[in-house]
Amino acid sequence: MVPIAVQKEQNGYVLNTWFVPLIAAAQTLVTNGVSTPEDVDRTYLKVNAGAGMGPFALIDMVGMKTFFDVLS
């Protein structure tokens, strides 16, 4: 974890503000049969050089229950 300064508080702070739409879009691609989790992660890693893992790997790390609770 790396602390970052925020100018004011908001629910989810900085990380969840961009993480939630990212994982929601990744999940939608798979649910609608557009892509597979592996291809979504592979594409994400190609586009974001230096990223350690893709959206589905992040979901695995955070846990499906947390992912479900955040989107609910």
PDB file of N, CA and C in Angstrom:
ATOM      1  N   MET A   1       0.843  -1.180   0.000  1.00  0.00           N
ATOM      2  CA  MET A   1       0.000   0.000   0.000  1.00  0.00           C
ATOM      3  C   MET A   1       0.890   1.245   0.000  1.00  0.00           C
ATOM      4  N   VAL A   2       0.459   2.204  -0.772  1.00  0.00           N
ATOM      5  CA  VAL A   2       1.169   3.472  -0.843  1.00  0.00           C
ATOM      6  C   VAL A   2       0.179   4.575  -0.497  1.00  0.00           C
ATOM      7  N   PRO A   3       0.459   5.342   0.544  1.00  0.00           N
ATOM      8  CA  PRO A   3      -0.467   6.426   0.884  1.00  0.00           C
ATOM      9  C   PRO A   3      -0.410   7.537  -0.162  1.00  0.00           C
ATOM     10  N   ILE A   4      -1.561   8.101  -0.458  1.00  0.00           N
ATOM     11  CA  ILE A   4      -1.623   9.256  -1.352  1.00  0.00           C
ATOM     12  C   ILE A   4      -2.471  10.331  -0.688  1.00  0.00           C
ATOM     13  N   ALA A   5      -2.175  11.555  -1.010  1.00  0.00           N
ATOM     14  CA  ALA A   5      -2.946  12.666  -0.449  1.00  0.00           C
ATOM     15  C   ALA A   5      -4.258  12.803  -1.206  1.00  0.00           C
ATOM     16  N   VAL A   6      -5.318  13.090  -0.488  1.00  0.00           N
ATOM     17  CA  VAL A   6      -6.591  13.407  -1.111  1.00  0.00           C
ATOM     18  C   VAL A   6      -6.982  14.818  -0.673  1.00  0.00           C
ATOM     19  N   GLN A   7      -7.611  15.521  -1.571  1.00  0.00           N
ATOM     20  CA  GLN A   7      -7.997  16.905  -1.284  1.00  0.00           C
ATOM     21  C   GLN A   7      -9.241  16.980  -0.403  1.00  0.00           C
ATOM     22  N   LYS A   8     -10.113  15.968  -0.522  1.00  0.00           N
ATOM     23  CA  LYS A   8     -11.290  15.872   0.342  1.00  0.00           C
ATOM     24  C   LYS A   8     -11.768  14.435   0.332  1.00  0.00           C
ATOM     25  N   GLU A   9     -12.532  14.068   1.348  1.00  0.00           N
ATOM     26  CA  GLU A   9     -13.029  12.698   1.447  1.00  0.00           C
ATOM     27  C   GLU A   9     -14.199  12.453   0.507  1.00  0.00           C
ATOM     28  N   GLN A  10     -14.277  11.219   0.063  1.00  0.00           N
ATOM     29  CA  GLN A  10     -15.438  10.745  -0.685  1.00  0.00           C
ATOM     30  C   GLN A  10     -15.507   9.244  -0.468  1.00  0.00           C
ATOM     31  N   ASN A  11     -16.676   8.669  -0.643  1.00  0.00           N
ATOM     32  CA  ASN A  11     -16.812   7.217  -0.500  1.00  0.00           C
ATOM     33  C   ASN A  11     -15.912   6.526  -1.508  1.00  0.00           C
ATOM     34  N   GLY A  12     -15.140   5.580  -1.047  1.00  0.00           N
ATOM     35  CA  GLY A  12     -14.273   4.816  -1.922  1.00  0.00           C
ATOM     36  C   GLY A  12     -12.944   5.463  -2.214  1.00  0.00           C
ATOM     37  N   TYR A  13     -12.800   6.732  -1.860  1.00  0.00           N
ATOM     38  CA  TYR A  13     -11.556   7.459  -2.119  1.00  0.00           C
ATOM     39  C   TYR A  13     -11.126   7.325  -3.575  1.00  0.00           C
ATOM     40  N   VAL A  14      -9.840   7.297  -3.833  1.00  0.00           N
ATOM     41  CA  VAL A  14      -9.335   7.338  -5.209  1.00  0.00           C
ATOM     42  C   VAL A  14      -9.401   5.972  -5.882  1.00  0.00           C
ATOM     43  N   LEU A  15      -8.923   4.947  -5.227  1.00  0.00           N
ATOM     44  CA  LEU A  15      -8.824   3.635  -5.861  1.00  0.00           C
ATOM     45  C   LEU A  15     -10.175   3.116  -6.341  1.00  0.00           C
ATOM     46  N   ASN A  16     -11.157   3.074  -5.471  1.00  0.00           N
ATOM     47  CA  ASN A  16     -12.451   2.509  -5.867  1.00  0.00           C
ATOM     48  C   ASN A  16     -13.182   3.352  -6.893  1.00  0.00           C
ATOM     49  N   THR A  17     -12.850   4.639  -6.984  1.00  0.00           N
ATOM     50  CA  THR A  17     -13.501   5.496  -7.973  1.00  0.00           C
ATOM     51  C   THR A  17     -13.204   5.027  -9.387  1.00  0.00           C
ATOM     52  N   TRP A  18     -12.010   4.536  -9.649  1.00  0.00           N
ATOM     53  CA  TRP A  18     -11.702   4.000 -10.982  1.00  0.00           C
ATOM     54  C   TRP A  18     -11.754   2.483 -11.016  1.00  0.00           C
ATOM     55  N   PHE A  19     -11.552   1.812  -9.878  1.00  0.00           N
ATOM     56  CA  PHE A  19     -11.538   0.353  -9.854  1.00  0.00           C
ATOM     57  C   PHE A  19     -12.930  -0.228 -10.095  1.00  0.00           C
ATOM     58  N   VAL A  20     -13.946   0.336  -9.497  1.00  0.00           N
ATOM     59  CA  VAL A  20     -15.301  -0.198  -9.635  1.00  0.00           C
ATOM     60  C   VAL A  20     -15.780  -0.156 -11.091  1.00  0.00           C
ATOM     61  N   PRO A  21     -15.659   0.973 -11.807  1.00  0.00           N
ATOM     62  CA  PRO A  21     -16.066   0.947 -13.219  1.00  0.00           C
ATOM     63  C   PRO A  21     -15.235  -0.019 -14.066  1.00  0.00           C
ATOM     64  N   LEU A  22     -13.957  -0.150 -13.747  1.00  0.00           N
ATOM     65  CA  LEU A  22     -13.087  -1.068 -14.491  1.00  0.00           C
ATOM     66  C   LEU A  22     -13.570  -2.509 -14.336  1.00  0.00           C
ATOM     67  N   ILE A  23     -13.790  -2.956 -13.107  1.00  0.00           N
ATOM     68  CA  ILE A  23     -14.208  -4.346 -12.915  1.00  0.00           C
ATOM     69  C   ILE A  23     -15.635  -4.577 -13.394  1.00  0.00           C
ATOM     70  N   ALA A  24     -16.472  -3.546 -13.301  1.00  0.00           N
ATOM     71  CA  ALA A  24     -17.842  -3.683 -13.815  1.00  0.00           C
ATOM     72  C   ALA A  24     -17.822  -3.853 -15.339  1.00  0.00           C
ATOM     73  N   ALA A  25     -16.982  -3.082 -16.022  1.00  0.00           N
ATOM     74  CA  ALA A  25     -16.879  -3.205 -17.477  1.00  0.00           C
ATOM     75  C   ALA A  25     -16.299  -4.563 -17.862  1.00  0.00           C
ATOM     76  N   ALA A  26     -15.285  -5.014 -17.140  1.00  0.00           N
ATOM     77  CA  ALA A  26     -14.686  -6.324 -17.416  1.00  0.00           C
ATOM     78  C   ALA A  26     -15.729  -7.426 -17.236  1.00  0.00           C
ATOM     79  N   GLN A  27     -16.480  -7.353 -16.166  1.00  0.00           N
ATOM     80  CA  GLN A  27     -17.518  -8.354 -15.894  1.00  0.00           C
ATOM     81  C   GLN A  27     -18.593  -8.326 -16.969  1.00  0.00           C
ATOM     82  N   THR A  28     -18.976  -7.147 -17.440  1.00  0.00           N
ATOM     83  CA  THR A  28     -19.980  -7.021 -18.489  1.00  0.00           C
ATOM     84  C   THR A  28     -19.507  -7.660 -19.789  1.00  0.00           C
ATOM     85  N   LEU A  29     -18.247  -7.473 -20.139  1.00  0.00           N
ATOM     86  CA  LEU A  29     -17.692  -8.093 -21.346  1.00  0.00           C
ATOM     87  C   LEU A  29     -17.836  -9.612 -21.302  1.00  0.00           C
ATOM     88  N   VAL A  30     -17.577 -10.190 -20.148  1.00  0.00           N
ATOM     89  CA  VAL A  30     -17.658 -11.646 -20.008  1.00  0.00           C
ATOM     90  C   VAL A  30     -19.117 -12.102 -19.942  1.00  0.00           C
ATOM     91  N   THR A  31     -19.932 -11.413 -19.162  1.00  0.00           N
ATOM     92  CA  THR A  31     -21.343 -11.783 -19.027  1.00  0.00           C
ATOM     93  C   THR A  31     -22.070 -11.735 -20.367  1.00  0.00           C
ATOM     94  N   ASN A  32     -21.737 -10.765 -21.202  1.00  0.00           N
ATOM     95  CA  ASN A  32     -22.395 -10.615 -22.506  1.00  0.00           C
ATOM     96  C   ASN A  32     -21.762 -11.476 -23.587  1.00  0.00           C
ATOM     97  N   GLY A  33     -20.780 -12.299 -23.219  1.00  0.00           N
ATOM     98  CA  GLY A  33     -20.169 -13.213 -24.164  1.00  0.00           C
ATOM     99  C   GLY A  33     -19.229 -12.562 -25.165  1.00  0.00           C
ATOM    100  N   VAL A  34     -18.805 -11.345 -24.887  1.00  0.00           N
ATOM    101  CA  VAL A  34     -17.912 -10.625 -25.785  1.00  0.00           C
ATOM    102  C   VAL A  34     -16.490 -11.155 -25.680  1.00  0.00           C
ATOM    103  N   SER A  35     -16.074 -11.514 -24.480  1.00  0.00           N
ATOM    104  CA  SER A  35     -14.697 -11.938 -24.257  1.00  0.00           C
ATOM    105  C   SER A  35     -14.638 -12.926 -23.097  1.00  0.00           C
ATOM    106  N   THR A  36     -13.457 -13.456 -22.872  1.00  0.00           N
ATOM    107  CA  THR A  36     -13.221 -14.343 -21.728  1.00  0.00           C
ATOM    108  C   THR A  36     -12.444 -13.566 -20.664  1.00  0.00           C
ATOM    109  N   PRO A  37     -12.495 -14.015 -19.416  1.00  0.00           N
ATOM    110  CA  PRO A  37     -11.696 -13.348 -18.379  1.00  0.00           C
ATOM    111  C   PRO A  37     -10.206 -13.307 -18.740  1.00  0.00           C
ATOM    112  N   GLU A  38      -9.704 -14.386 -19.319  1.00  0.00           N
ATOM    113  CA  GLU A  38      -8.282 -14.438 -19.682  1.00  0.00           C
ATOM    114  C   GLU A  38      -7.943 -13.395 -20.745  1.00  0.00           C
ATOM    115  N   ASP A  39      -8.813 -13.256 -21.748  1.00  0.00           N
ATOM    116  CA  ASP A  39      -8.557 -12.273 -22.801  1.00  0.00           C
ATOM    117  C   ASP A  39      -8.702 -10.837 -22.302  1.00  0.00           C
ATOM    118  N   VAL A  40      -9.640 -10.606 -21.403  1.00  0.00           N
ATOM    119  CA  VAL A  40      -9.778  -9.268 -20.812  1.00  0.00           C
ATOM    120  C   VAL A  40      -8.491  -8.913 -20.069  1.00  0.00           C
ATOM    121  N   ASP A  41      -8.004  -9.815 -19.225  1.00  0.00           N
ATOM    122  CA  ASP A  41      -6.769  -9.547 -18.474  1.00  0.00           C
ATOM    123  C   ASP A  41      -5.580  -9.386 -19.409  1.00  0.00           C
ATOM    124  N   ARG A  42      -5.488 -10.241 -20.408  1.00  0.00           N
ATOM    125  CA  ARG A  42      -4.358 -10.172 -21.351  1.00  0.00           C
ATOM    126  C   ARG A  42      -4.359  -8.826 -22.086  1.00  0.00           C
ATOM    127  N   THR A  43      -5.530  -8.381 -22.518  1.00  0.00           N
ATOM    128  CA  THR A  43      -5.639  -7.102 -23.217  1.00  0.00           C
ATOM    129  C   THR A  43      -5.282  -5.948 -22.291  1.00  0.00           C
ATOM    130  N   TYR A  44      -5.786  -5.991 -21.074  1.00  0.00           N
ATOM    131  CA  TYR A  44      -5.482  -4.948 -20.091  1.00  0.00           C
ATOM    132  C   TYR A  44      -3.979  -4.840 -19.855  1.00  0.00           C
ATOM    133  N   LEU A  45      -3.324  -5.983 -19.724  1.00  0.00           N
ATOM    134  CA  LEU A  45      -1.882  -5.983 -19.461  1.00  0.00           C
ATOM    135  C   LEU A  45      -1.091  -5.466 -20.656  1.00  0.00           C
ATOM    136  N   LYS A  46      -1.564  -5.714 -21.871  1.00  0.00           N
ATOM    137  CA  LYS A  46      -0.873  -5.192 -23.058  1.00  0.00           C
ATOM    138  C   LYS A  46      -1.003  -3.682 -23.151  1.00  0.00           C
ATOM    139  N   VAL A  47      -2.184  -3.175 -22.857  1.00  0.00           N
ATOM    140  CA  VAL A  47      -2.446  -1.744 -22.966  1.00  0.00           C
ATOM    141  C   VAL A  47      -1.807  -0.973 -21.804  1.00  0.00           C
ATOM    142  N   ASN A  48      -1.740  -1.576 -20.656  1.00  0.00           N
ATOM    143  CA  ASN A  48      -1.210  -0.922 -19.451  1.00  0.00           C
ATOM    144  C   ASN A  48       0.124  -1.540 -19.072  1.00  0.00           C
ATOM    145  N   ALA A  49       1.131  -1.231 -19.858  1.00  0.00           N
ATOM    146  CA  ALA A  49       2.470  -1.770 -19.603  1.00  0.00           C
ATOM    147  C   ALA A  49       2.886  -1.446 -18.172  1.00  0.00           C
ATOM    148  N   GLY A  50       3.384  -2.434 -17.503  1.00  0.00           N
ATOM    149  CA  GLY A  50       3.808  -2.255 -16.121  1.00  0.00           C
ATOM    150  C   GLY A  50       2.765  -2.647 -15.095  1.00  0.00           C
ATOM    151  N   ALA A  51       1.533  -2.858 -15.547  1.00  0.00           N
ATOM    152  CA  ALA A  51       0.495  -3.308 -14.613  1.00  0.00           C
ATOM    153  C   ALA A  51       0.816  -4.734 -14.181  1.00  0.00           C
ATOM    154  N   GLY A  52       0.638  -5.011 -12.931  1.00  0.00           N
ATOM    155  CA  GLY A  52       0.961  -6.329 -12.404  1.00  0.00           C
ATOM    156  C   GLY A  52      -0.095  -7.382 -12.670  1.00  0.00           C
ATOM    157  N   MET A  53      -1.355  -6.953 -12.819  1.00  0.00           N
ATOM    158  CA  MET A  53      -2.436  -7.901 -13.050  1.00  0.00           C
ATOM    159  C   MET A  53      -3.618  -7.188 -13.678  1.00  0.00           C
ATOM    160  N   GLY A  54      -4.459  -7.979 -14.347  1.00  0.00           N
ATOM    161  CA  GLY A  54      -5.643  -7.446 -14.995  1.00  0.00           C
ATOM    162  C   GLY A  54      -6.829  -7.393 -14.052  1.00  0.00           C
ATOM    163  N   PRO A  55      -7.970  -6.928 -14.553  1.00  0.00           N
ATOM    164  CA  PRO A  55      -9.154  -6.772 -13.707  1.00  0.00           C
ATOM    165  C   PRO A  55      -9.615  -8.063 -13.033  1.00  0.00           C
ATOM    166  N   PHE A  56      -9.600  -9.175 -13.763  1.00  0.00           N
ATOM    167  CA  PHE A  56     -10.062 -10.425 -13.149  1.00  0.00           C
ATOM    168  C   PHE A  56      -9.060 -10.969 -12.139  1.00  0.00           C
ATOM    169  N   ALA A  57      -7.792 -10.743 -12.367  1.00  0.00           N
ATOM    170  CA  ALA A  57      -6.796 -11.114 -11.361  1.00  0.00           C
ATOM    171  C   ALA A  57      -6.987 -10.262 -10.106  1.00  0.00           C
ATOM    172  N   LEU A  58      -7.325  -8.987 -10.290  1.00  0.00           N
ATOM    173  CA  LEU A  58      -7.603  -8.122  -9.139  1.00  0.00           C
ATOM    174  C   LEU A  58      -8.845  -8.591  -8.392  1.00  0.00           C
ATOM    175  N   ILE A  59      -9.867  -9.006  -9.145  1.00  0.00           N
ATOM    176  CA  ILE A  59     -11.076  -9.540  -8.508  1.00  0.00           C
ATOM    177  C   ILE A  59     -10.719 -10.783  -7.688  1.00  0.00           C
ATOM    178  N   ASP A  60      -9.883 -11.652  -8.248  1.00  0.00           N
ATOM    179  CA  ASP A  60      -9.453 -12.843  -7.513  1.00  0.00           C
ATOM    180  C   ASP A  60      -8.715 -12.459  -6.242  1.00  0.00           C
ATOM    181  N   MET A  61      -7.882 -11.432  -6.310  1.00  0.00           N
ATOM    182  CA  MET A  61      -7.102 -11.007  -5.149  1.00  0.00           C
ATOM    183  C   MET A  61      -8.013 -10.404  -4.076  1.00  0.00           C
ATOM    184  N   VAL A  62      -8.950  -9.553  -4.489  1.00  0.00           N
ATOM    185  CA  VAL A  62      -9.852  -8.887  -3.546  1.00  0.00           C
ATOM    186  C   VAL A  62     -10.879  -9.864  -2.995  1.00  0.00           C
ATOM    187  N   GLY A  63     -11.336 -10.766  -3.836  1.00  0.00           N
ATOM    188  CA  GLY A  63     -12.342 -11.747  -3.425  1.00  0.00           C
ATOM    189  C   GLY A  63     -13.680 -11.471  -4.085  1.00  0.00           C
ATOM    190  N   MET A  64     -14.330 -12.531  -4.520  1.00  0.00           N
ATOM    191  CA  MET A  64     -15.612 -12.401  -5.207  1.00  0.00           C
ATOM    192  C   MET A  64     -16.683 -11.778  -4.311  1.00  0.00           C
ATOM    193  N   LYS A  65     -16.664 -12.086  -3.031  1.00  0.00           N
ATOM    194  CA  LYS A  65     -17.663 -11.527  -2.108  1.00  0.00           C
ATOM    195  C   LYS A  65     -17.520 -10.011  -2.037  1.00  0.00           C
ATOM    196  N   THR A  66     -16.295  -9.532  -1.923  1.00  0.00           N
ATOM    197  CA  THR A  66     -16.072  -8.085  -1.889  1.00  0.00           C
ATOM    198  C   THR A  66     -16.503  -7.450  -3.199  1.00  0.00           C
ATOM    199  N   PHE A  67     -16.137  -8.072  -4.319  1.00  0.00           N
ATOM    200  CA  PHE A  67     -16.527  -7.580  -5.632  1.00  0.00           C
ATOM    201  C   PHE A  67     -18.049  -7.483  -5.733  1.00  0.00           C
ATOM    202  N   PHE A  68     -18.743  -8.540  -5.325  1.00  0.00           N
ATOM    203  CA  PHE A  68     -20.194  -8.556  -5.360  1.00  0.00           C
ATOM    204  C   PHE A  68     -20.780  -7.448  -4.478  1.00  0.00           C
ATOM    205  N   ASP A  69     -20.255  -7.307  -3.252  1.00  0.00           N
ATOM    206  CA  ASP A  69     -20.759  -6.301  -2.323  1.00  0.00           C
ATOM    207  C   ASP A  69     -20.554  -4.885  -2.856  1.00  0.00           C
ATOM    208  N   VAL A  70     -19.414  -4.631  -3.480  1.00  0.00           N
ATOM    209  CA  VAL A  70     -19.121  -3.302  -4.014  1.00  0.00           C
ATOM    210  C   VAL A  70     -20.078  -2.958  -5.140  1.00  0.00           C
ATOM    211  N   LEU A  71     -20.390  -3.925  -6.014  1.00  0.00           N
ATOM    212  CA  LEU A  71     -21.282  -3.657  -7.142  1.00  0.00           C
ATOM    213  C   LEU A  71     -22.755  -3.647  -6.764  1.00  0.00           C
ATOM    214  N   SER A  72     -23.091  -4.189  -5.601  1.00  0.00           N
ATOM    215  CA  SER A  72     -24.509  -4.272  -5.189  1.00  0.00           C
ATOM    216  C   SER A  72     -25.038  -2.945  -4.652  1.00  0.00           C
TER     217      SER A  72
END
